[in-house]
PDB file of N, CA and C in Angstrom:
ATOM      1  N   MET A   1      -2.090  -2.356 -23.262  1.00  0.00           N
ATOM      2  CA  MET A   1      -1.033  -3.068 -22.399  1.00  0.00           C
ATOM      3  C   MET A   1      -0.654  -2.328 -21.352  1.00  0.00           C
ATOM      4  N   THR A   2      -0.812  -1.033 -21.372  1.00  0.00           N
ATOM      5  CA  THR A   2      -0.549  -0.150 -20.236  1.00  0.00           C
ATOM      6  C   THR A   2      -1.483  -0.499 -19.102  1.00  0.00           C
ATOM      7  N   LEU A   3      -2.630  -0.533 -19.352  1.00  0.00           N
ATOM      8  CA  LEU A   3      -3.693  -0.929 -18.417  1.00  0.00           C
ATOM      9  C   LEU A   3      -3.529  -2.103 -17.669  1.00  0.00           C
ATOM     10  N   ILE A   4      -2.872  -3.130 -18.464  1.00  0.00           N
ATOM     11  CA  ILE A   4      -2.677  -4.468 -17.828  1.00  0.00           C
ATOM     12  C   ILE A   4      -1.589  -4.222 -16.664  1.00  0.00           C
ATOM     13  N   TYR A   5      -0.410  -3.534 -17.118  1.00  0.00           N
ATOM     14  CA  TYR A   5       0.746  -3.327 -16.197  1.00  0.00           C
ATOM     15  C   TYR A   5       0.203  -2.666 -14.842  1.00  0.00           C
ATOM     16  N   VAL A   6      -0.554  -1.557 -15.117  1.00  0.00           N
ATOM     17  CA  VAL A   6      -1.098  -0.918 -13.903  1.00  0.00           C
ATOM     18  C   VAL A   6      -2.082  -1.682 -12.986  1.00  0.00           C
ATOM     19  N   SER A   7      -2.839  -2.462 -13.660  1.00  0.00           N
ATOM     20  CA  SER A   7      -3.834  -3.362 -12.994  1.00  0.00           C
ATOM     21  C   SER A   7      -2.961  -4.403 -12.114  1.00  0.00           C
ATOM     22  N   VAL A   8      -1.937  -4.990 -12.703  1.00  0.00           N
ATOM     23  CA  VAL A   8      -1.143  -5.999 -12.063  1.00  0.00           C
ATOM     24  C   VAL A   8      -0.352  -5.298 -10.843  1.00  0.00           C
ATOM     25  N   ALA A   9      -0.006  -4.054 -11.018  1.00  0.00           N
ATOM     26  CA  ALA A   9       0.759  -3.341 -10.080  1.00  0.00           C
ATOM     27  C   ALA A   9      -0.262  -3.155  -8.800  1.00  0.00           C
ATOM     28  N   TRP A  10      -1.532  -2.558  -9.126  1.00  0.00           N
ATOM     29  CA  TRP A  10      -2.421  -2.644  -8.014  1.00  0.00           C
ATOM     30  C   TRP A  10      -2.748  -3.771  -7.241  1.00  0.00           C
ATOM     31  N   VAL A  11      -3.065  -4.982  -7.964  1.00  0.00           N
ATOM     32  CA  VAL A  11      -3.087  -6.248  -7.269  1.00  0.00           C
ATOM     33  C   VAL A  11      -1.934  -6.521  -6.465  1.00  0.00           C
ATOM     34  N   ALA A  12      -0.899  -6.505  -7.084  1.00  0.00           N
ATOM     35  CA  ALA A  12       0.316  -6.990  -6.333  1.00  0.00           C
ATOM     36  C   ALA A  12       0.626  -5.868  -5.031  1.00  0.00           C
ATOM     37  N   GLY A  13       0.302  -4.759  -5.184  1.00  0.00           N
ATOM     38  CA  GLY A  13       0.336  -3.934  -3.934  1.00  0.00           C
ATOM     39  C   GLY A  13      -0.610  -4.175  -2.964  1.00  0.00           C
ATOM     40  N   VAL A  14      -1.870  -4.757  -3.281  1.00  0.00           N
ATOM     41  CA  VAL A  14      -2.751  -5.259  -2.201  1.00  0.00           C
ATOM     42  C   VAL A  14      -2.253  -6.564  -1.627  1.00  0.00           C
ATOM     43  N   TYR A  15      -1.839  -7.304  -2.309  1.00  0.00           N
ATOM     44  CA  TYR A  15      -1.559  -8.726  -2.087  1.00  0.00           C
ATOM     45  C   TYR A  15      -0.216  -8.456  -1.027  1.00  0.00           C
ATOM     46  N   VAL A  16       0.735  -7.781  -1.466  1.00  0.00           N
ATOM     47  CA  VAL A  16       1.885  -7.518  -0.566  1.00  0.00           C
ATOM     48  C   VAL A  16       1.505  -6.894   0.752  1.00  0.00           C
ATOM     49  N   SER A  17       0.532  -5.885   0.738  1.00  0.00           N
ATOM     50  CA  SER A  17       0.125  -5.385   1.877  1.00  0.00           C
ATOM     51  C   SER A  17      -0.675  -6.219   2.914  1.00  0.00           C
ATOM     52  N   PHE A  18      -1.325  -7.172   2.332  1.00  0.00           N
ATOM     53  CA  PHE A  18      -2.060  -8.267   3.290  1.00  0.00           C
ATOM     54  C   PHE A  18      -0.938  -9.044   3.758  1.00  0.00           C
ATOM     55  N   ARG A  19       0.252  -9.381   3.083  1.00  0.00           N
ATOM     56  CA  ARG A  19       1.130 -10.261   3.690  1.00  0.00           C
ATOM     57  C   ARG A  19       2.175  -9.670   4.463  1.00  0.00           C
ATOM     58  N   LEU A  20       2.559  -8.500   4.151  1.00  0.00           N
ATOM     59  CA  LEU A  20       3.571  -7.867   5.219  1.00  0.00           C
ATOM     60  C   LEU A  20       3.157  -6.812   6.041  1.00  0.00           C
ATOM     61  N   SER A  21       2.029  -6.064   5.767  1.00  0.00           N
ATOM     62  CA  SER A  21       1.707  -4.882   6.580  1.00  0.00           C
ATOM     63  C   SER A  21       2.824  -3.983   7.135  1.00  0.00           C
ATOM     64  N   PRO A  22       3.660  -3.421   6.070  1.00  0.00           N
ATOM     65  CA  PRO A  22       4.703  -2.436   6.623  1.00  0.00           C
ATOM     66  C   PRO A  22       4.316  -1.141   7.173  1.00  0.00           C
ATOM     67  N   PRO A  23       4.888  -0.776   8.195  1.00  0.00           N
ATOM     68  CA  PRO A  23       4.515   0.514   8.758  1.00  0.00           C
ATOM     69  C   PRO A  23       5.139   1.788   7.852  1.00  0.00           C
ATOM     70  N   TRP A  24       5.907   1.360   6.973  1.00  0.00           N
ATOM     71  CA  TRP A  24       6.800   2.437   6.197  1.00  0.00           C
ATOM     72  C   TRP A  24       6.041   2.748   4.899  1.00  0.00           C
ATOM     73  N   THR A  25       4.803   2.408   4.669  1.00  0.00           N
ATOM     74  CA  THR A  25       4.073   2.370   3.457  1.00  0.00           C
ATOM     75  C   THR A  25       3.982   3.979   2.880  1.00  0.00           C
ATOM     76  N   LEU A  26       3.597   4.815   3.715  1.00  0.00           N
ATOM     77  CA  LEU A  26       3.305   6.244   3.402  1.00  0.00           C
ATOM     78  C   LEU A  26       4.411   6.766   3.032  1.00  0.00           C
ATOM     79  N   PRO A  27       5.653   6.950   3.821  1.00  0.00           N
ATOM     80  CA  PRO A  27       6.940   7.591   3.184  1.00  0.00           C
ATOM     81  C   PRO A  27       7.402   7.052   2.022  1.00  0.00           C
ATOM     82  N   LEU A  28       7.397   5.653   1.781  1.00  0.00           N
ATOM     83  CA  LEU A  28       7.807   5.033   0.553  1.00  0.00           C
ATOM     84  C   LEU A  28       6.846   5.437  -0.752  1.00  0.00           C
ATOM     85  N   ALA A  29       5.562   5.576  -0.358  1.00  0.00           N
ATOM     86  CA  ALA A  29       4.794   5.915  -1.382  1.00  0.00           C
ATOM     87  C   ALA A  29       5.034   7.366  -1.762  1.00  0.00           C
ATOM     88  N   LEU A  30       5.151   8.204  -1.076  1.00  0.00           N
ATOM     89  CA  LEU A  30       5.491   9.726  -1.321  1.00  0.00           C
ATOM     90  C   LEU A  30       6.877   9.642  -2.027  1.00  0.00           C
ATOM     91  N   LEU A  31       7.771   8.907  -1.672  1.00  0.00           N
ATOM     92  CA  LEU A  31       9.196   8.789  -2.413  1.00  0.00           C
ATOM     93  C   LEU A  31       8.949   8.288  -3.913  1.00  0.00           C
ATOM     94  N   LEU A  32       8.031   7.268  -4.034  1.00  0.00           N
ATOM     95  CA  LEU A  32       7.890   6.638  -5.214  1.00  0.00           C
ATOM     96  C   LEU A  32       7.090   7.578  -6.164  1.00  0.00           C
ATOM     97  N   ALA A  33       6.287   8.445  -5.485  1.00  0.00           N
ATOM     98  CA  ALA A  33       5.536   9.284  -6.326  1.00  0.00           C
ATOM     99  C   ALA A  33       6.508  10.411  -7.224  1.00  0.00           C
ATOM    100  N   LEU A  34       7.588  10.425  -6.860  1.00  0.00           N
ATOM    101  CA  LEU A  34       8.422  11.388  -7.446  1.00  0.00           C
ATOM    102  C   LEU A  34       9.024  10.871  -8.658  1.00  0.00           C
ATOM    103  N   VAL A  35       9.168   9.613  -8.899  1.00  0.00           N
ATOM    104  CA  VAL A  35       9.635   8.932 -10.129  1.00  0.00           C
ATOM    105  C   VAL A  35       8.743   9.416 -11.282  1.00  0.00           C
ATOM    106  N   PRO A  36       7.533   9.412 -11.414  1.00  0.00           N
ATOM    107  CA  PRO A  36       6.916   9.799 -12.663  1.00  0.00           C
ATOM    108  C   PRO A  36       7.109  11.331 -12.974  1.00  0.00           C
ATOM    109  N   LEU A  37       7.259  12.036 -11.953  1.00  0.00           N
ATOM    110  CA  LEU A  37       7.507  13.427 -12.148  1.00  0.00           C
ATOM    111  C   LEU A  37       8.790  13.636 -12.742  1.00  0.00           C
ATOM    112  N   LEU A  38       9.854  12.906 -12.358  1.00  0.00           N
ATOM    113  CA  LEU A  38      11.284  12.881 -12.885  1.00  0.00           C
ATOM    114  C   LEU A  38      11.117  12.444 -14.586  1.00  0.00           C
ATOM    115  N   ALA A  39      10.379  11.417 -14.692  1.00  0.00           N
ATOM    116  CA  ALA A  39      10.262  10.876 -15.978  1.00  0.00           C
ATOM    117  C   ALA A  39       9.484  11.906 -16.957  1.00  0.00           C
ATOM    118  N   LEU A  40       8.378  12.624 -16.518  1.00  0.00           N
ATOM    119  CA  LEU A  40       7.935  13.752 -17.199  1.00  0.00           C
ATOM    120  C   LEU A  40       8.648  14.739 -17.630  1.00  0.00           C
ATOM    121  N   ALA A  41       9.699  15.076 -16.696  1.00  0.00           N
ATOM    122  CA  ALA A  41      10.631  16.201 -17.015  1.00  0.00           C
ATOM    123  C   ALA A  41      11.651  15.766 -18.118  1.00  0.00           C
ATOM    124  N   ARG A  42      12.040  14.465 -18.123  1.00  0.00           N
ATOM    125  CA  ARG A  42      12.864  14.035 -19.245  1.00  0.00           C
ATOM    126  C   ARG A  42      12.263  13.233 -20.406  1.00  0.00           C
ATOM    127  N   ARG A  43      11.000  13.088 -20.188  1.00  0.00           N
ATOM    128  CA  ARG A  43      10.072  12.475 -21.468  1.00  0.00           C
ATOM    129  C   ARG A  43      10.610  11.060 -21.728  1.00  0.00           C
ATOM    130  N   HIS A  44      10.702  10.375 -20.696  1.00  0.00           N
ATOM    131  CA  HIS A  44      11.201   8.791 -20.991  1.00  0.00           C
ATOM    132  C   HIS A  44       9.868   8.086 -20.720  1.00  0.00           C
ATOM    133  N   THR A  45       9.271   7.289 -21.756  1.00  0.00           N
ATOM    134  CA  THR A  45       8.115   6.657 -21.596  1.00  0.00           C
ATOM    135  C   THR A  45       8.227   5.603 -20.696  1.00  0.00           C
ATOM    136  N   ARG A  46       9.231   4.665 -20.974  1.00  0.00           N
ATOM    137  CA  ARG A  46       9.469   3.582 -20.076  1.00  0.00           C
ATOM    138  C   ARG A  46       9.508   3.807 -18.522  1.00  0.00           C
ATOM    139  N   LEU A  47      10.439   4.879 -18.348  1.00  0.00           N
ATOM    140  CA  LEU A  47      10.544   5.473 -16.978  1.00  0.00           C
ATOM    141  C   LEU A  47       9.145   5.753 -16.318  1.00  0.00           C
ATOM    142  N   LEU A  48       8.557   6.607 -17.083  1.00  0.00           N
ATOM    143  CA  LEU A  48       7.137   6.935 -16.695  1.00  0.00           C
ATOM    144  C   LEU A  48       6.253   5.883 -16.530  1.00  0.00           C
ATOM    145  N   LEU A  49       6.179   5.009 -17.224  1.00  0.00           N
ATOM    146  CA  LEU A  49       5.427   3.752 -17.092  1.00  0.00           C
ATOM    147  C   LEU A  49       5.776   2.868 -15.786  1.00  0.00           C
ATOM    148  N   SER A  50       7.059   2.848 -15.599  1.00  0.00           N
ATOM    149  CA  SER A  50       7.576   2.178 -14.320  1.00  0.00           C
ATOM    150  C   SER A  50       7.292   2.959 -13.296  1.00  0.00           C
ATOM    151  N   GLY A  51       7.293   4.257 -13.295  1.00  0.00           N
ATOM    152  CA  GLY A  51       7.086   5.105 -12.061  1.00  0.00           C
ATOM    153  C   GLY A  51       5.574   5.160 -11.619  1.00  0.00           C
ATOM    154  N   VAL A  52       4.630   5.023 -12.732  1.00  0.00           N
ATOM    155  CA  VAL A  52       3.320   4.926 -12.494  1.00  0.00           C
ATOM    156  C   VAL A  52       2.844   3.763 -11.981  1.00  0.00           C
ATOM    157  N   CYS A  53       3.534   2.678 -12.400  1.00  0.00           N
ATOM    158  CA  CYS A  53       3.263   1.357 -11.859  1.00  0.00           C
ATOM    159  C   CYS A  53       3.721   1.237 -10.374  1.00  0.00           C
ATOM    160  N   LEU A  54       4.882   1.754 -10.090  1.00  0.00           N
ATOM    161  CA  LEU A  54       5.357   1.774  -8.567  1.00  0.00           C
ATOM    162  C   LEU A  54       4.498   2.677  -7.655  1.00  0.00           C
ATOM    163  N   ALA A  55       3.826   3.740  -8.308  1.00  0.00           N
ATOM    164  CA  ALA A  55       3.013   4.569  -7.626  1.00  0.00           C
ATOM    165  C   ALA A  55       1.717   3.905  -7.328  1.00  0.00           C
ATOM    166  N   VAL A  56       1.254   3.147  -8.332  1.00  0.00           N
ATOM    167  CA  VAL A  56      -0.121   2.372  -8.224  1.00  0.00           C
ATOM    168  C   VAL A  56       0.202   1.268  -7.245  1.00  0.00           C
ATOM    169  N   PHE A  57       1.205   0.691  -7.290  1.00  0.00           N
ATOM    170  CA  PHE A  57       1.622  -0.433  -6.276  1.00  0.00           C
ATOM    171  C   PHE A  57       1.579   0.081  -4.863  1.00  0.00           C
ATOM    172  N   MET A  58       2.145   1.295  -4.689  1.00  0.00           N
ATOM    173  CA  MET A  58       2.128   1.841  -3.420  1.00  0.00           C
ATOM    174  C   MET A  58       0.606   2.289  -3.065  1.00  0.00           C
ATOM    175  N   GLY A  59      -0.172   2.715  -3.928  1.00  0.00           N
ATOM    176  CA  GLY A  59      -1.489   3.098  -3.791  1.00  0.00           C
ATOM    177  C   GLY A  59      -2.400   1.974  -3.291  1.00  0.00           C
ATOM    178  N   GLY A  60      -2.054   0.653  -3.902  1.00  0.00           N
ATOM    179  CA  GLY A  60      -2.719  -0.433  -3.366  1.00  0.00           C
ATOM    180  C   GLY A  60      -2.213  -0.813  -1.945  1.00  0.00           C
ATOM    181  N   MET A  61      -1.041  -0.644  -1.712  1.00  0.00           N
ATOM    182  CA  MET A  61      -0.735  -0.952  -0.236  1.00  0.00           C
ATOM    183  C   MET A  61      -1.381   0.147   0.689  1.00  0.00           C
ATOM    184  N   LEU A  62      -1.324   1.297   0.518  1.00  0.00           N
ATOM    185  CA  LEU A  62      -2.034   2.454   0.976  1.00  0.00           C
ATOM    186  C   LEU A  62      -3.718   2.139   1.247  1.00  0.00           C
ATOM    187  N   ARG A  63      -4.084   1.665   0.280  1.00  0.00           N
ATOM    188  CA  ARG A  63      -5.607   1.375   0.379  1.00  0.00           C
ATOM    189  C   ARG A  63      -5.949   0.338   1.200  1.00  0.00           C
ATOM    190  N   VAL A  64      -5.183  -0.691   1.195  1.00  0.00           N
ATOM    191  CA  VAL A  64      -5.475  -1.958   2.299  1.00  0.00           C
ATOM    192  C   VAL A  64      -5.241  -1.455   3.644  1.00  0.00           C
ATOM    193  N   SER A  65      -4.097  -0.672   3.948  1.00  0.00           N
ATOM    194  CA  SER A  65      -3.693  -0.095   5.386  1.00  0.00           C
ATOM    195  C   SER A  65      -4.792   0.948   5.617  1.00  0.00           C
ATOM    196  N   ALA A  66      -5.309   1.508   4.855  1.00  0.00           N
ATOM    197  CA  ALA A  66      -6.433   2.623   5.137  1.00  0.00           C
ATOM    198  C   ALA A  66      -7.671   1.971   5.518  1.00  0.00           C
ATOM    199  N   SER A  67      -7.909   0.653   4.907  1.00  0.00           N
ATOM    200  CA  SER A  67      -9.260   0.140   5.100  1.00  0.00           C
ATOM    201  C   SER A  67      -9.271  -0.658   6.393  1.00  0.00           C
ATOM    202  N   LEU A  68      -8.127  -0.991   6.941  1.00  0.00           N
ATOM    203  CA  LEU A  68      -7.966  -2.006   8.219  1.00  0.00           C
ATOM    204  C   LEU A  68      -8.545  -1.084   9.394  1.00  0.00           C
ATOM    205  N   PRO A  69      -9.225  -1.682  10.333  1.00  0.00           N
ATOM    206  CA  PRO A  69      -9.549  -0.815  11.531  1.00  0.00           C
ATOM    207  C   PRO A  69      -8.372  -0.874  12.439  1.00  0.00           C
ATOM    208  N   GLY A  70      -8.398   0.304  13.126  1.00  0.00           N
ATOM    209  CA  GLY A  70      -7.416   0.386  14.244  1.00  0.00           C
ATOM    210  C   GLY A  70      -7.841  -0.204  15.502  1.00  0.00           C
ATOM    211  N   GLN A  71      -6.946  -0.653  16.359  1.00  0.00           N
ATOM    212  CA  GLN A  71      -7.387  -1.335  17.594  1.00  0.00           C
ATOM    213  C   GLN A  71      -7.284  -0.243  18.681  1.00  0.00           C
ATOM    214  N   GLN A  72      -8.361  -0.242  19.373  1.00  0.00           N
ATOM    215  CA  GLN A  72      -8.368   0.787  20.459  1.00  0.00           C
ATOM    216  C   GLN A  72      -8.382  -0.051  21.828  1.00  0.00           C
ATOM    217  N   ALA A  73      -8.288   0.555  22.955  1.00  0.00           N
ATOM    218  CA  ALA A  73      -8.231  -0.234  24.335  1.00  0.00           C
ATOM    219  C   ALA A  73      -9.534  -0.856  24.623  1.00  0.00           C
ATOM    220  N   ASN A  74     -10.610  -0.119  24.204  1.00  0.00           N
ATOM    221  CA  ASN A  74     -11.805  -0.965  24.658  1.00  0.00           C
ATOM    222  C   ASN A  74     -12.469  -1.643  23.595  1.00  0.00           C
ATOM    223  N   ASP A  75     -11.742  -2.140  22.566  1.00  0.00           N
ATOM    224  CA  ASP A  75     -12.152  -3.157  21.539  1.00  0.00           C
ATOM    225  C   ASP A  75     -12.147  -4.465  22.172  1.00  0.00           C
ATOM    226  N   LEU A  76     -13.103  -5.299  21.747  1.00  0.00           N
ATOM    227  CA  LEU A  76     -13.067  -6.951  22.168  1.00  0.00           C
ATOM    228  C   LEU A  76     -11.855  -7.467  21.810  1.00  0.00           C
ATOM    229  N   SER A  77     -11.312  -6.943  20.621  1.00  0.00           N
ATOM    230  CA  SER A  77     -10.154  -7.740  20.195  1.00  0.00           C
ATOM    231  C   SER A  77      -8.796  -7.658  20.949  1.00  0.00           C
ATOM    232  N   SER A  78      -8.966  -6.566  21.792  1.00  0.00           N
ATOM    233  CA  SER A  78      -7.816  -6.368  22.745  1.00  0.00           C
ATOM    234  C   SER A  78      -7.629  -7.428  23.821  1.00  0.00           C
ATOM    235  N   TYR A  79      -8.691  -8.164  23.891  1.00  0.00           N
ATOM    236  CA  TYR A  79      -8.744  -9.343  24.911  1.00  0.00           C
ATOM    237  C   TYR A  79      -8.270 -10.781  24.294  1.00  0.00           C
ATOM    238  N   ASN A  80      -8.000 -10.799  23.016  1.00  0.00           N
ATOM    239  CA  ASN A  80      -7.419 -11.923  22.338  1.00  0.00           C
ATOM    240  C   ASN A  80      -6.193 -12.460  22.949  1.00  0.00           C
ATOM    241  N   GLU A  81      -6.009 -13.833  23.126  1.00  0.00           N
ATOM    242  CA  GLU A  81      -4.923 -14.538  23.934  1.00  0.00           C
ATOM    243  C   GLU A  81      -4.888 -14.247  25.296  1.00  0.00           C
ATOM    244  N   GLN A  82      -5.943 -13.854  25.978  1.00  0.00           N
ATOM    245  CA  GLN A  82      -5.845 -13.562  27.306  1.00  0.00           C
ATOM    246  C   GLN A  82      -7.056 -14.301  28.089  1.00  0.00           C
ATOM    247  N   ALA A  83      -6.879 -14.798  29.136  1.00  0.00           N
ATOM    248  CA  ALA A  83      -7.656 -15.478  30.045  1.00  0.00           C
ATOM    249  C   ALA A  83      -8.722 -14.370  30.561  1.00  0.00           C
ATOM    250  N   VAL A  84     -10.088 -14.386  30.462  1.00  0.00           N
ATOM    251  CA  VAL A  84     -10.997 -13.357  31.084  1.00  0.00           C
ATOM    252  C   VAL A  84     -12.108 -14.136  31.803  1.00  0.00           C
ATOM    253  N   THR A  85     -12.377 -13.819  33.028  1.00  0.00           N
ATOM    254  CA  THR A  85     -13.318 -14.481  33.838  1.00  0.00           C
ATOM    255  C   THR A  85     -14.611 -13.559  33.718  1.00  0.00           C
ATOM    256  N   LEU A  86     -15.650 -14.062  33.425  1.00  0.00           N
ATOM    257  CA  LEU A  86     -16.891 -13.298  33.319  1.00  0.00           C
ATOM    258  C   LEU A  86     -17.885 -13.620  34.647  1.00  0.00           C
ATOM    259  N   ARG A  87     -18.491 -12.673  35.126  1.00  0.00           N
ATOM    260  CA  ARG A  87     -19.241 -13.077  36.451  1.00  0.00           C
ATOM    261  C   ARG A  87     -20.744 -12.634  36.090  1.00  0.00           C
TER     262      ARG A  87
END
């Protein structure tokens, strides 16, 4: 059952990243990575599972944002929504 929770968290992270694309993904992922460490220190299994699911959720979001290409000034996509005259 744990694998199902973790898998759903990954897929949800990927889905949310495609829908929102937040710029604050990395700082939030680092903050949420502390939750499993706190749970290990106190030995709470439910808190550990929820922390791992949150970390995997943020990992899915980071994976999507890392796979998207960055836009540079000389890319063709920088001319989208503009009128261009070719000679």
